C-alpha cells in the first residue's frame, strides 16, 4: 500500500492511497463469500454457487461495493498511521480506480487537528491571591453552622418573620387562570432564602398563623417556563404553621456537639485553618485557569467547526449525566425549559470552542516542553478512579481499554502537567 498526504487548506488535506491488486483480490474473495450466502441460483444450494458461475450470472461488478466496504476502511486507517496525520472528522472518500486485477486508487479528503502557534507561555504574570482569613469570616462561618444546628420551634402567636420556616398552601393564577406547577399544599418555605420568585417571600412576612393573603409577583424575563416569562401572577396563599429557629449558644458545649474539639477557641482555630486551606485551593484553581486563559489568548490556532460541534455534543452528554443524578433527563429538561436540543447546543457553543482551544494549547505546550505521562502517573490516576468507583485497578484499566478511552485519560494527565508547568514558570503580579 502507498499513501501520500497533501494539505489543500489550513486544516484540510487529501490522502492519495493506492492498494495493490493482491489485496483487492482478497477483498473480492471476502465479498464473494458474504454475497453468495444470500443468493439463490437454480441447481445449487444457497452458499454453494461456484465463483465462476456467480460472476457469469451476476458479473464481478456486483461484488465491487462490498469489496470496497471491506478494503477502504482498513486502507484509510493504515494511511493515517503511515502519514502521521490526526483526523478530527470522517473523510470524504472518492474512489478513482477499482476493478478486478487492478490496483485500487482512492482519495480521502480529511479535516485534521489544527496546528497551534504558541505565543509567550513562560513567565506570564498571575495574581498570587490572598488566603488570609479574617475574624469576620470565621464569625460568619460559625453563624452558618449555628443556623444549621438550630432547633425549629413552633410559633403559636405573632407574625412570620424573615428567617422563619412557614408551612403554606399556595395556588398561582395568571389573568385569573391557574397555571400548571403553580400550586402546592403544606409546602415548607424559609423566608429570606430567595428560593421563590422575587417578591413572594417578602409579602409572606407579617402574616399570622392561619392567615390568608393574595401575593402579586412578576415572573422574571429569564424564567424557565416560556409561557410565564415576564407575566404578572397572583398567588392565593394560606399559612398553616410558623417555625422559628432557636439558635444554640456559641460556647464550648456547641463546639463539643459539632466537632471533636473541647473548647470553642480550639474549634474556631480549626475553622480558620480550614477556611485558609479552602481559600488557598480556590486561589490555586484561579491561577491555573488564568494561566491557561492567558496562554490560549496569546496562541494562534484556527479551530475546525467539527471540533467545536463534537465538544458541544460531549458537553450535552455531561449535562445529561448531571440531570440523571438529580432524577431528571434531557426530555424532561426540554419540556421544563421550553428549549430544544439545538438551543442547548447553541448555548454551549462558546464554552465548547473555549475548551477545544485550551486543550489544543495545553497539548502544544506539553509537546514543546516534552511533557509526558509516566506509567507511575497513569497507575496513580487509575488508582484514584478505582477508589472513587469501588472497583479494582485492573477492572478500571479494562473498562478504559475496552471503551478506547485510555488515551483520553493519558491526555488528561499530560494536560494537568502542562497547566502545572505554566503556573510553576509564571511570575507573581
Foldseek 3Di string as FASTA:
>chain_A
DDWDWDADDQQKIKIKFKAFLVLLVVLLVVLCQVVQQPDDDPPDDRSGDDPVVCCVVPNSVVSFVSSCVVPVVVRVVVNCVVHVFAFDDAWDKDWDDHDRPGMTIIMTMTGTFGDKFWDDQFAAADAQFDLADDPVNLVVVVVVVQQVPWDWAWDQDFWADQQKWWFKWKFKDFPRHTDPPRTDHRDIDHQPPPPDAPQQSVVRTGAHAQGKDKGKDFHDQQDLDNVRRRTIMIMIMTTHIIIHTDGDDQWQVVCVVPHVDRTSVVVSVVSSVVSSVVSNVVSVVVRLVVSLVVRLVRMDIDGDVSQLLVLLVVVLVVVQVVQVVVVHGPVVSCVRRVHDPVRSSVVCSVVSVVVSSSLSSLVVLCVVVVQFQDPVNLLVVLVVVCVVVVHDSVVSVVVCVVVVNSVVSRSVSSSVVSSVVSSVRYHYD
